[in-house]
Amino acid sequence: MVNAHTGRVHTSFNQAVAATGRLSSQNPNLQNIPIRTDLGREIRKAFVPSDTDRVLLSSDYSQIELRIIAHISKDPGMIEAFKQGIDIHTATASKVWGVPIEEVDKDMRRKAKTVNFGIIYGISAFGLSQRVGIPRFEAKEIIDNYFAQFPGIKKYMDDTIAFARDNGYVETISGRRRNLRDINSRNANIRGFAERNAINAPIQGSAADMIKIAMINIADWLKSTDLKTQMILQVHDELLFDVPKNELETVQSKVKEIMEGAMVLDVPVLVESGTGANWLEAH
């Protein structure tokens, strides 16, 4: 897979493979290198700048799917937590268990994080109980409390499924459609899968739209300057740049500004950046 002309590995990005609208990567797939395993981290060390006068810059949307669901659902509790800059998983745990924020422990936060991310994929009481190792009745109680504390999320889910049943599709914030031909299927399993897609597609799809808009705007900005920085990789919510050291300050702040302004939400959009001599250091 090493290119004979450049001596480097180049992935191929697919525009129309992932149903959510996200770019996918193949030959090799650079989007599935785990950062939580020792082997994955070692592999990331192999990604280095093009020469010693450059560094890698990683710019990453922070919790973008949860920010998008707060925006789409208009849930006041979730919007307020993001506006105040409170850690969203801690804020969720505080509401679900009815304790002050300062009394939320690591275990509560861990469970709340699983619920926050699981809700948008249609997690069940059984699924939550399996993932966090708690009895099913406790998992059901957590989910019920979650919907009681964040009623806007439940309303979004119900309204979106109803809209999909009537229209056969759902839309991202920017109006891109995902057709759901099985949403009225008589087969409960097939219908349930379509319902989960109906809930998830506007969220994941809007995140995909946002980073694509940002990439276009960043590419246009780079073309309009004399900068030698190159945008070299997109992995889900992260962009990776090969940056001359003397351009780093300019590029890092401008990329953050462009990414955060790609799509206006009811909550702050935050981009976290890191730099390093390899991809592991930068991320």
C-alpha atoms as a PDB file:
ATOM      1  CA  MET A   1       0.000   0.000   0.000  1.00  0.00           C
ATOM      2  CA  VAL A   2       3.022   2.329   0.014  1.00  0.00           C
ATOM      3  CA  ASN A   3       2.741   4.792  -2.884  1.00  0.00           C
ATOM      4  CA  ALA A   4       5.728   4.489  -5.208  1.00  0.00           C
ATOM      5  CA  HIS A   5       5.878   8.244  -5.876  1.00  0.00           C
ATOM      6  CA  THR A   6       5.579   9.545  -2.317  1.00  0.00           C
ATOM      7  CA  GLY A   7       6.898   6.658  -0.224  1.00  0.00           C
ATOM      8  CA  ARG A   8       3.848   7.027   2.011  1.00  0.00           C
ATOM      9  CA  VAL A   9       0.604   5.221   2.709  1.00  0.00           C
ATOM     10  CA  HIS A  10      -2.512   7.003   1.397  1.00  0.00           C
ATOM     11  CA  THR A  11      -6.022   5.955   2.356  1.00  0.00           C
ATOM     12  CA  SER A  12      -9.018   6.229   0.011  1.00  0.00           C
ATOM     13  CA  PHE A  13     -12.035   8.077   1.364  1.00  0.00           C
ATOM     14  CA  ASN A  14     -15.532   7.049   0.331  1.00  0.00           C
ATOM     15  CA  GLN A  15     -18.177   9.746   0.131  1.00  0.00           C
ATOM     16  CA  ALA A  16     -21.250   7.540  -0.276  1.00  0.00           C
ATOM     17  CA  VAL A  17     -20.678   4.292   1.653  1.00  0.00           C
ATOM     18  CA  ALA A  18     -21.658   5.074   5.260  1.00  0.00           C
ATOM     19  CA  ALA A  19     -25.439   5.558   5.432  1.00  0.00           C
ATOM     20  CA  THR A  20     -25.026   8.339   8.017  1.00  0.00           C
ATOM     21  CA  GLY A  21     -23.105  10.488   5.519  1.00  0.00           C
ATOM     22  CA  ARG A  22     -19.764  10.149   7.269  1.00  0.00           C
ATOM     23  CA  LEU A  23     -16.663   9.579   5.177  1.00  0.00           C
ATOM     24  CA  SER A  24     -15.380   6.025   5.315  1.00  0.00           C
ATOM     25  CA  SER A  25     -11.779   4.971   4.751  1.00  0.00           C
ATOM     26  CA  GLN A  26     -10.264   1.942   3.001  1.00  0.00           C
ATOM     27  CA  ASN A  27      -6.994   0.529   1.646  1.00  0.00           C
ATOM     28  CA  PRO A  28      -5.995   0.964   4.425  1.00  0.00           C
ATOM     29  CA  ASN A  29      -8.829   1.849   6.789  1.00  0.00           C
ATOM     30  CA  LEU A  30      -7.328   4.567   8.993  1.00  0.00           C
ATOM     31  CA  GLN A  31     -10.535   5.223  10.933  1.00  0.00           C
ATOM     32  CA  ASN A  32     -10.512   2.067  13.022  1.00  0.00           C
ATOM     33  CA  ILE A  33      -7.087   2.228  14.676  1.00  0.00           C
ATOM     34  CA  PRO A  34      -7.951   1.961  18.384  1.00  0.00           C
ATOM     35  CA  ILE A  35      -6.435   4.505  20.747  1.00  0.00           C
ATOM     36  CA  ARG A  36      -7.299   2.511  23.891  1.00  0.00           C
ATOM     37  CA  THR A  37      -5.146  -0.537  23.122  1.00  0.00           C
ATOM     38  CA  ASP A  38      -1.350  -0.785  23.362  1.00  0.00           C
ATOM     39  CA  LEU A  39      -1.094  -2.024  19.777  1.00  0.00           C
ATOM     40  CA  GLY A  40      -3.332   0.778  18.463  1.00  0.00           C
ATOM     41  CA  ARG A  41      -1.224   3.379  20.246  1.00  0.00           C
ATOM     42  CA  GLU A  42       1.960   1.907  18.795  1.00  0.00           C
ATOM     43  CA  ILE A  43       0.470   2.063  15.288  1.00  0.00           C
ATOM     44  CA  ARG A  44      -0.488   5.721  15.772  1.00  0.00           C
ATOM     45  CA  LYS A  45       3.149   6.501  16.597  1.00  0.00           C
ATOM     46  CA  ALA A  46       4.011   5.503  13.010  1.00  0.00           C
ATOM     47  CA  PHE A  47       2.099   8.494  11.622  1.00  0.00           C
ATOM     48  CA  VAL A  48       4.630  11.336  11.560  1.00  0.00           C
ATOM     49  CA  PRO A  49       5.001  14.750   9.878  1.00  0.00           C
ATOM     50  CA  SER A  50       6.521  14.952   6.410  1.00  0.00           C
ATOM     51  CA  ASP A  51       9.791  16.402   7.758  1.00  0.00           C
ATOM     52  CA  THR A  52      11.470  17.493  10.983  1.00  0.00           C
ATOM     53  CA  ASP A  53      10.423  21.138  10.546  1.00  0.00           C
ATOM     54  CA  ARG A  54       6.760  20.139  10.834  1.00  0.00           C
ATOM     55  CA  VAL A  55       4.396  18.819  13.513  1.00  0.00           C
ATOM     56  CA  LEU A  56       1.051  17.056  13.399  1.00  0.00           C
ATOM     57  CA  LEU A  57      -1.964  19.052  14.573  1.00  0.00           C
ATOM     58  CA  SER A  58      -5.091  17.186  15.668  1.00  0.00           C
ATOM     59  CA  SER A  59      -8.320  19.187  15.984  1.00  0.00           C
ATOM     60  CA  ASP A  60     -11.266  17.289  17.417  1.00  0.00           C
ATOM     61  CA  TYR A  61     -14.919  18.185  18.043  1.00  0.00           C
ATOM     62  CA  SER A  62     -15.715  17.661  21.739  1.00  0.00           C
ATOM     63  CA  GLN A  63     -18.814  15.492  22.428  1.00  0.00           C
ATOM     64  CA  ILE A  64     -20.357  16.778  19.207  1.00  0.00           C
ATOM     65  CA  GLU A  65     -23.157  14.196  18.970  1.00  0.00           C
ATOM     66  CA  LEU A  66     -24.410  15.049  22.472  1.00  0.00           C
ATOM     67  CA  ARG A  67     -24.279  18.757  21.639  1.00  0.00           C
ATOM     68  CA  ILE A  68     -26.263  18.079  18.464  1.00  0.00           C
ATOM     69  CA  ILE A  69     -28.914  16.050  20.313  1.00  0.00           C
ATOM     70  CA  ALA A  70     -29.219  18.921  22.824  1.00  0.00           C
ATOM     71  CA  HIS A  71     -29.744  21.319  19.904  1.00  0.00           C
ATOM     72  CA  ILE A  72     -32.206  19.129  17.995  1.00  0.00           C
ATOM     73  CA  SER A  73     -34.235  18.084  21.054  1.00  0.00           C
ATOM     74  CA  LYS A  74     -34.220  21.584  22.611  1.00  0.00           C
ATOM     75  CA  ASP A  75     -34.062  19.875  26.008  1.00  0.00           C
ATOM     76  CA  PRO A  76     -33.559  22.725  28.508  1.00  0.00           C
ATOM     77  CA  GLY A  77     -31.584  20.665  31.049  1.00  0.00           C
ATOM     78  CA  MET A  78     -29.059  19.451  28.522  1.00  0.00           C
ATOM     79  CA  ILE A  79     -28.745  22.861  26.838  1.00  0.00           C
ATOM     80  CA  GLU A  80     -28.154  24.536  30.206  1.00  0.00           C
ATOM     81  CA  ALA A  81     -25.434  22.039  31.183  1.00  0.00           C
ATOM     82  CA  PHE A  82     -23.532  22.686  27.948  1.00  0.00           C
ATOM     83  CA  LYS A  83     -23.977  26.456  28.226  1.00  0.00           C
ATOM     84  CA  GLN A  84     -22.598  26.420  31.779  1.00  0.00           C
ATOM     85  CA  GLY A  85     -19.655  24.276  30.693  1.00  0.00           C
ATOM     86  CA  ILE A  86     -20.515  21.509  33.174  1.00  0.00           C
ATOM     87  CA  ASP A  87     -19.229  18.055  32.257  1.00  0.00           C
ATOM     88  CA  ILE A  88     -22.297  16.577  30.557  1.00  0.00           C
ATOM     89  CA  HIS A  89     -21.907  13.093  32.050  1.00  0.00           C
ATOM     90  CA  THR A  90     -21.588  14.522  35.560  1.00  0.00           C
ATOM     91  CA  ALA A  91     -24.601  16.760  34.941  1.00  0.00           C
ATOM     92  CA  THR A  92     -26.593  13.754  33.700  1.00  0.00           C
ATOM     93  CA  ALA A  93     -25.597  11.661  36.731  1.00  0.00           C
ATOM     94  CA  SER A  94     -26.578  14.503  39.060  1.00  0.00           C
ATOM     95  CA  LYS A  95     -30.068  14.710  37.525  1.00  0.00           C
ATOM     96  CA  VAL A  96     -30.679  10.958  37.155  1.00  0.00           C
ATOM     97  CA  TRP A  97     -29.634  10.118  40.732  1.00  0.00           C
ATOM     98  CA  GLY A  98     -30.911  13.373  42.239  1.00  0.00           C
ATOM     99  CA  VAL A  99     -27.662  14.349  43.950  1.00  0.00           C
ATOM    100  CA  PRO A 100     -25.659  17.599  43.853  1.00  0.00           C
ATOM    101  CA  ILE A 101     -22.977  17.736  41.143  1.00  0.00           C
ATOM    102  CA  GLU A 102     -20.157  17.644  43.706  1.00  0.00           C
ATOM    103  CA  GLU A 103     -21.503  14.347  45.084  1.00  0.00           C
ATOM    104  CA  VAL A 104     -21.401  12.501  41.740  1.00  0.00           C
ATOM    105  CA  ASP A 105     -18.823   9.710  42.003  1.00  0.00           C
ATOM    106  CA  LYS A 106     -16.866   7.964  39.220  1.00  0.00           C
ATOM    107  CA  ASP A 107     -19.262   5.026  39.080  1.00  0.00           C
ATOM    108  CA  MET A 108     -22.298   7.286  38.651  1.00  0.00           C
ATOM    109  CA  ARG A 109     -20.522   9.248  35.907  1.00  0.00           C
ATOM    110  CA  ARG A 110     -19.517   6.041  34.110  1.00  0.00           C
ATOM    111  CA  LYS A 111     -23.126   4.800  34.072  1.00  0.00           C
ATOM    112  CA  ALA A 112     -24.409   8.223  32.981  1.00  0.00           C
ATOM    113  CA  LYS A 113     -21.874   8.309  30.134  1.00  0.00           C
ATOM    114  CA  THR A 114     -23.091   4.927  28.910  1.00  0.00           C
ATOM    115  CA  VAL A 115     -26.690   6.158  29.017  1.00  0.00           C
ATOM    116  CA  ASN A 116     -25.851   9.452  27.267  1.00  0.00           C
ATOM    117  CA  PHE A 117     -24.217   7.702  24.338  1.00  0.00           C
ATOM    118  CA  GLY A 118     -26.484   4.670  24.451  1.00  0.00           C
ATOM    119  CA  ILE A 119     -29.772   6.593  24.324  1.00  0.00           C
ATOM    120  CA  ILE A 120     -29.063   7.851  20.791  1.00  0.00           C
ATOM    121  CA  TYR A 121     -28.492   4.272  19.659  1.00  0.00           C
ATOM    122  CA  GLY A 122     -31.714   3.074  21.258  1.00  0.00           C
ATOM    123  CA  ILE A 123     -30.113   1.277  24.197  1.00  0.00           C
ATOM    124  CA  SER A 124     -32.484  -0.973  26.151  1.00  0.00           C
ATOM    125  CA  ALA A 125     -32.546  -1.778  29.865  1.00  0.00           C
ATOM    126  CA  PHE A 126     -31.012  -5.147  28.984  1.00  0.00           C
ATOM    127  CA  GLY A 127     -28.274  -3.494  26.894  1.00  0.00           C
ATOM    128  CA  LEU A 128     -27.429  -1.008  29.646  1.00  0.00           C
ATOM    129  CA  SER A 129     -27.397  -3.736  32.303  1.00  0.00           C
ATOM    130  CA  GLN A 130     -24.950  -5.778  30.188  1.00  0.00           C
ATOM    131  CA  ARG A 131     -22.678  -2.825  29.459  1.00  0.00           C
ATOM    132  CA  VAL A 132     -22.268  -1.468  32.964  1.00  0.00           C
ATOM    133  CA  GLY A 133     -22.774  -4.705  34.903  1.00  0.00           C
ATOM    134  CA  ILE A 134     -25.930  -3.893  36.858  1.00  0.00           C
ATOM    135  CA  PRO A 135     -29.272  -5.723  37.276  1.00  0.00           C
ATOM    136  CA  ARG A 136     -31.847  -5.106  34.565  1.00  0.00           C
ATOM    137  CA  PHE A 137     -34.353  -3.517  36.988  1.00  0.00           C
ATOM    138  CA  GLU A 138     -31.703  -0.971  38.015  1.00  0.00           C
ATOM    139  CA  ALA A 139     -30.906  -0.236  34.369  1.00  0.00           C
ATOM    140  CA  LYS A 140     -34.606   0.302  33.625  1.00  0.00           C
ATOM    141  CA  GLU A 141     -34.854   2.668  36.580  1.00  0.00           C
ATOM    142  CA  ILE A 142     -31.865   4.674  35.304  1.00  0.00           C
ATOM    143  CA  ILE A 143     -33.367   4.984  31.810  1.00  0.00           C
ATOM    144  CA  ASP A 144     -36.776   5.952  33.217  1.00  0.00           C
ATOM    145  CA  ASN A 145     -35.143   8.595  35.427  1.00  0.00           C
ATOM    146  CA  TYR A 146     -33.135   9.836  32.451  1.00  0.00           C
ATOM    147  CA  PHE A 147     -36.277  10.439  30.383  1.00  0.00           C
ATOM    148  CA  ALA A 148     -38.002  12.066  33.380  1.00  0.00           C
ATOM    149  CA  GLN A 149     -35.092  14.491  33.805  1.00  0.00           C
ATOM    150  CA  PHE A 150     -34.550  15.090  30.075  1.00  0.00           C
ATOM    151  CA  PRO A 151     -38.095  15.047  28.659  1.00  0.00           C
ATOM    152  CA  GLY A 152     -36.953  16.875  25.512  1.00  0.00           C
ATOM    153  CA  ILE A 153     -34.873  13.831  24.531  1.00  0.00           C
ATOM    154  CA  LYS A 154     -37.852  11.483  24.875  1.00  0.00           C
ATOM    155  CA  LYS A 155     -40.053  13.882  22.893  1.00  0.00           C
ATOM    156  CA  TYR A 156     -37.407  14.106  20.140  1.00  0.00           C
ATOM    157  CA  MET A 157     -37.256  10.308  19.897  1.00  0.00           C
ATOM    158  CA  ASP A 158     -41.052   9.895  19.785  1.00  0.00           C
ATOM    159  CA  ASP A 159     -41.590  12.789  17.358  1.00  0.00           C
ATOM    160  CA  THR A 160     -38.796  11.617  15.040  1.00  0.00           C
ATOM    161  CA  ILE A 161     -40.158   8.076  14.809  1.00  0.00           C
ATOM    162  CA  ALA A 162     -43.663   9.454  14.148  1.00  0.00           C
ATOM    163  CA  PHE A 163     -42.287  11.758  11.418  1.00  0.00           C
ATOM    164  CA  ALA A 164     -40.381   8.863   9.827  1.00  0.00           C
ATOM    165  CA  ARG A 165     -43.496   6.673   9.829  1.00  0.00           C
ATOM    166  CA  ASP A 166     -45.502   9.383   8.073  1.00  0.00           C
ATOM    167  CA  ASN A 167     -42.825  10.499   5.600  1.00  0.00           C
ATOM    168  CA  GLY A 168     -40.457   7.557   5.139  1.00  0.00           C
ATOM    169  CA  TYR A 169     -37.352   9.594   5.916  1.00  0.00           C
ATOM    170  CA  VAL A 170     -35.592  11.774   8.509  1.00  0.00           C
ATOM    171  CA  GLU A 171     -33.364  14.821   7.998  1.00  0.00           C
ATOM    172  CA  THR A 172     -30.130  16.267   9.340  1.00  0.00           C
ATOM    173  CA  ILE A 173     -29.971  19.866  10.605  1.00  0.00           C
ATOM    174  CA  SER A 174     -28.838  20.979   7.143  1.00  0.00           C
ATOM    175  CA  GLY A 175     -31.711  19.141   5.433  1.00  0.00           C
ATOM    176  CA  ARG A 176     -29.966  16.034   4.108  1.00  0.00           C
ATOM    177  CA  ARG A 177     -32.384  13.096   4.062  1.00  0.00           C
ATOM    178  CA  ARG A 178     -31.999   9.489   5.153  1.00  0.00           C
ATOM    179  CA  ASN A 179     -34.697   7.260   3.665  1.00  0.00           C
ATOM    180  CA  LEU A 180     -36.084   4.536   5.957  1.00  0.00           C
ATOM    181  CA  ARG A 181     -38.057   2.092   3.871  1.00  0.00           C
ATOM    182  CA  ASP A 182     -38.540  -0.394   6.746  1.00  0.00           C
ATOM    183  CA  ILE A 183     -39.981   2.094   9.252  1.00  0.00           C
ATOM    184  CA  ASN A 184     -43.491   0.618   8.866  1.00  0.00           C
ATOM    185  CA  SER A 185     -42.414  -3.002   8.498  1.00  0.00           C
ATOM    186  CA  ARG A 186     -44.677  -5.637  10.056  1.00  0.00           C
ATOM    187  CA  ASN A 187     -41.564  -7.419  11.325  1.00  0.00           C
ATOM    188  CA  ALA A 188     -40.865  -5.986  14.786  1.00  0.00           C
ATOM    189  CA  ASN A 189     -37.101  -6.569  14.594  1.00  0.00           C
ATOM    190  CA  ILE A 190     -36.757  -4.904  11.192  1.00  0.00           C
ATOM    191  CA  ARG A 191     -39.038  -2.043  12.263  1.00  0.00           C
ATOM    192  CA  GLY A 192     -37.087  -1.574  15.508  1.00  0.00           C
ATOM    193  CA  PHE A 193     -33.808  -1.315  13.577  1.00  0.00           C
ATOM    194  CA  ALA A 194     -35.355   1.369  11.326  1.00  0.00           C
ATOM    195  CA  GLU A 195     -36.649   3.247  14.383  1.00  0.00           C
ATOM    196  CA  ARG A 196     -33.172   3.283  15.942  1.00  0.00           C
ATOM    197  CA  ASN A 197     -31.792   4.601  12.640  1.00  0.00           C
ATOM    198  CA  ALA A 198     -34.508   7.272  12.584  1.00  0.00           C
ATOM    199  CA  ILE A 199     -33.353   8.530  16.001  1.00  0.00           C
ATOM    200  CA  ASN A 200     -29.645   8.253  15.256  1.00  0.00           C
ATOM    201  CA  ALA A 201     -29.417   9.458  11.632  1.00  0.00           C
ATOM    202  CA  PRO A 202     -30.195  13.151  12.271  1.00  0.00           C
ATOM    203  CA  ILE A 203     -27.570  13.207  15.041  1.00  0.00           C
ATOM    204  CA  GLN A 204     -24.720  11.296  13.370  1.00  0.00           C
ATOM    205  CA  GLY A 205     -25.680  12.775  10.017  1.00  0.00           C
ATOM    206  CA  SER A 206     -25.543  16.353  11.325  1.00  0.00           C
ATOM    207  CA  ALA A 207     -22.109  15.644  12.845  1.00  0.00           C
ATOM    208  CA  ALA A 208     -20.992  14.342   9.441  1.00  0.00           C
ATOM    209  CA  ASP A 209     -22.357  17.448   7.703  1.00  0.00           C
ATOM    210  CA  MET A 210     -20.663  19.726  10.222  1.00  0.00           C
ATOM    211  CA  ILE A 211     -17.156  18.333   9.764  1.00  0.00           C
ATOM    212  CA  LYS A 212     -17.544  18.249   5.961  1.00  0.00           C
ATOM    213  CA  ILE A 213     -18.565  21.925   5.960  1.00  0.00           C
ATOM    214  CA  ALA A 214     -15.555  22.651   8.183  1.00  0.00           C
ATOM    215  CA  MET A 215     -13.227  20.728   5.835  1.00  0.00           C
ATOM    216  CA  ILE A 216     -14.461  22.685   2.810  1.00  0.00           C
ATOM    217  CA  ASN A 217     -14.072  26.003   4.642  1.00  0.00           C
ATOM    218  CA  ILE A 218     -10.588  25.091   5.898  1.00  0.00           C
ATOM    219  CA  ALA A 219      -9.502  23.964   2.410  1.00  0.00           C
ATOM    220  CA  ASP A 220     -10.795  27.248   0.930  1.00  0.00           C
ATOM    221  CA  TRP A 221      -8.956  29.239   3.607  1.00  0.00           C
ATOM    222  CA  LEU A 222      -5.662  27.363   3.044  1.00  0.00           C
ATOM    223  CA  LYS A 223      -5.935  27.944  -0.730  1.00  0.00           C
ATOM    224  CA  SER A 224      -6.390  31.676  -0.144  1.00  0.00           C
ATOM    225  CA  THR A 225      -3.125  31.916   1.837  1.00  0.00           C
ATOM    226  CA  ASP A 226       0.551  31.196   1.200  1.00  0.00           C
ATOM    227  CA  LEU A 227       0.586  28.633   4.020  1.00  0.00           C
ATOM    228  CA  LYS A 228       2.225  25.254   3.427  1.00  0.00           C
ATOM    229  CA  THR A 229      -0.029  23.415   5.920  1.00  0.00           C
ATOM    230  CA  GLN A 230      -1.819  20.337   4.570  1.00  0.00           C
ATOM    231  CA  MET A 231      -5.040  18.710   5.819  1.00  0.00           C
ATOM    232  CA  ILE A 232      -4.117  15.030   5.625  1.00  0.00           C
ATOM    233  CA  LEU A 233      -6.702  12.938   7.437  1.00  0.00           C
ATOM    234  CA  GLN A 234     -10.277  12.927   8.745  1.00  0.00           C
ATOM    235  CA  VAL A 235     -11.300  10.393  11.373  1.00  0.00           C
ATOM    236  CA  HIS A 236     -14.932  10.832  12.430  1.00  0.00           C
ATOM    237  CA  ASP A 237     -14.866  14.061  14.494  1.00  0.00           C
ATOM    238  CA  GLU A 238     -11.128  14.710  14.143  1.00  0.00           C
ATOM    239  CA  LEU A 239      -9.032  16.473  11.490  1.00  0.00           C
ATOM    240  CA  LEU A 240      -5.290  15.924  11.225  1.00  0.00           C
ATOM    241  CA  PHE A 241      -2.903  18.469   9.702  1.00  0.00           C
ATOM    242  CA  ASP A 242       0.763  18.405   8.661  1.00  0.00           C
ATOM    243  CA  VAL A 243       1.924  21.867   9.778  1.00  0.00           C
ATOM    244  CA  PRO A 244       5.254  23.720   9.444  1.00  0.00           C
ATOM    245  CA  LYS A 245       6.286  24.741  12.948  1.00  0.00           C
ATOM    246  CA  ASN A 246       6.349  28.452  12.042  1.00  0.00           C
ATOM    247  CA  GLU A 247       2.673  28.240  10.910  1.00  0.00           C
ATOM    248  CA  LEU A 248       1.353  26.347  13.925  1.00  0.00           C
ATOM    249  CA  GLU A 249       0.013  29.250  15.985  1.00  0.00           C
ATOM    250  CA  THR A 250      -1.873  30.728  12.999  1.00  0.00           C
ATOM    251  CA  VAL A 251      -3.243  27.424  11.747  1.00  0.00           C
ATOM    252  CA  GLN A 252      -4.259  26.021  15.144  1.00  0.00           C
ATOM    253  CA  SER A 253      -6.368  29.062  16.071  1.00  0.00           C
ATOM    254  CA  LYS A 254      -7.910  29.462  12.593  1.00  0.00           C
ATOM    255  CA  VAL A 255      -8.832  25.774  12.284  1.00  0.00           C
ATOM    256  CA  LYS A 256     -10.500  25.915  15.706  1.00  0.00           C
ATOM    257  CA  GLU A 257     -12.431  29.045  14.674  1.00  0.00           C
ATOM    258  CA  ILE A 258     -13.588  27.529  11.361  1.00  0.00           C
ATOM    259  CA  MET A 259     -14.573  24.187  12.891  1.00  0.00           C
ATOM    260  CA  GLU A 260     -16.507  25.799  15.751  1.00  0.00           C
ATOM    261  CA  GLY A 261     -18.335  28.075  13.310  1.00  0.00           C
ATOM    262  CA  ALA A 262     -19.207  25.454  10.683  1.00  0.00           C
ATOM    263  CA  MET A 263     -22.760  25.066  11.991  1.00  0.00           C
ATOM    264  CA  VAL A 264     -24.461  27.239  14.610  1.00  0.00           C
ATOM    265  CA  LEU A 265     -26.101  25.295  17.442  1.00  0.00           C
ATOM    266  CA  ASP A 266     -28.089  26.327  20.526  1.00  0.00           C
ATOM    267  CA  VAL A 267     -25.139  25.131  22.628  1.00  0.00           C
ATOM    268  CA  PRO A 268     -21.435  26.010  22.377  1.00  0.00           C
ATOM    269  CA  VAL A 269     -19.424  23.949  19.880  1.00  0.00           C
ATOM    270  CA  LEU A 270     -15.961  23.175  21.271  1.00  0.00           C
ATOM    271  CA  VAL A 271     -12.871  21.987  19.406  1.00  0.00           C
ATOM    272  CA  GLU A 272      -9.898  20.556  21.301  1.00  0.00           C
ATOM    273  CA  SER A 273      -6.462  20.646  19.681  1.00  0.00           C
ATOM    274  CA  GLY A 274      -3.186  18.876  20.260  1.00  0.00           C
ATOM    275  CA  THR A 275       0.193  18.774  18.551  1.00  0.00           C
ATOM    276  CA  GLY A 276       3.046  16.332  18.472  1.00  0.00           C
ATOM    277  CA  ALA A 277       5.825  14.565  16.626  1.00  0.00           C
ATOM    278  CA  ASN A 278       3.393  11.731  15.811  1.00  0.00           C
ATOM    279  CA  TRP A 279      -0.352  11.070  15.760  1.00  0.00           C
ATOM    280  CA  LEU A 280      -0.410   9.532  19.243  1.00  0.00           C
ATOM    281  CA  GLU A 281       1.231  12.614  20.754  1.00  0.00           C
ATOM    282  CA  ALA A 282      -1.057  14.987  18.842  1.00  0.00           C
ATOM    283  CA  HIS A 283      -4.405  13.358  19.705  1.00  0.00           C
END
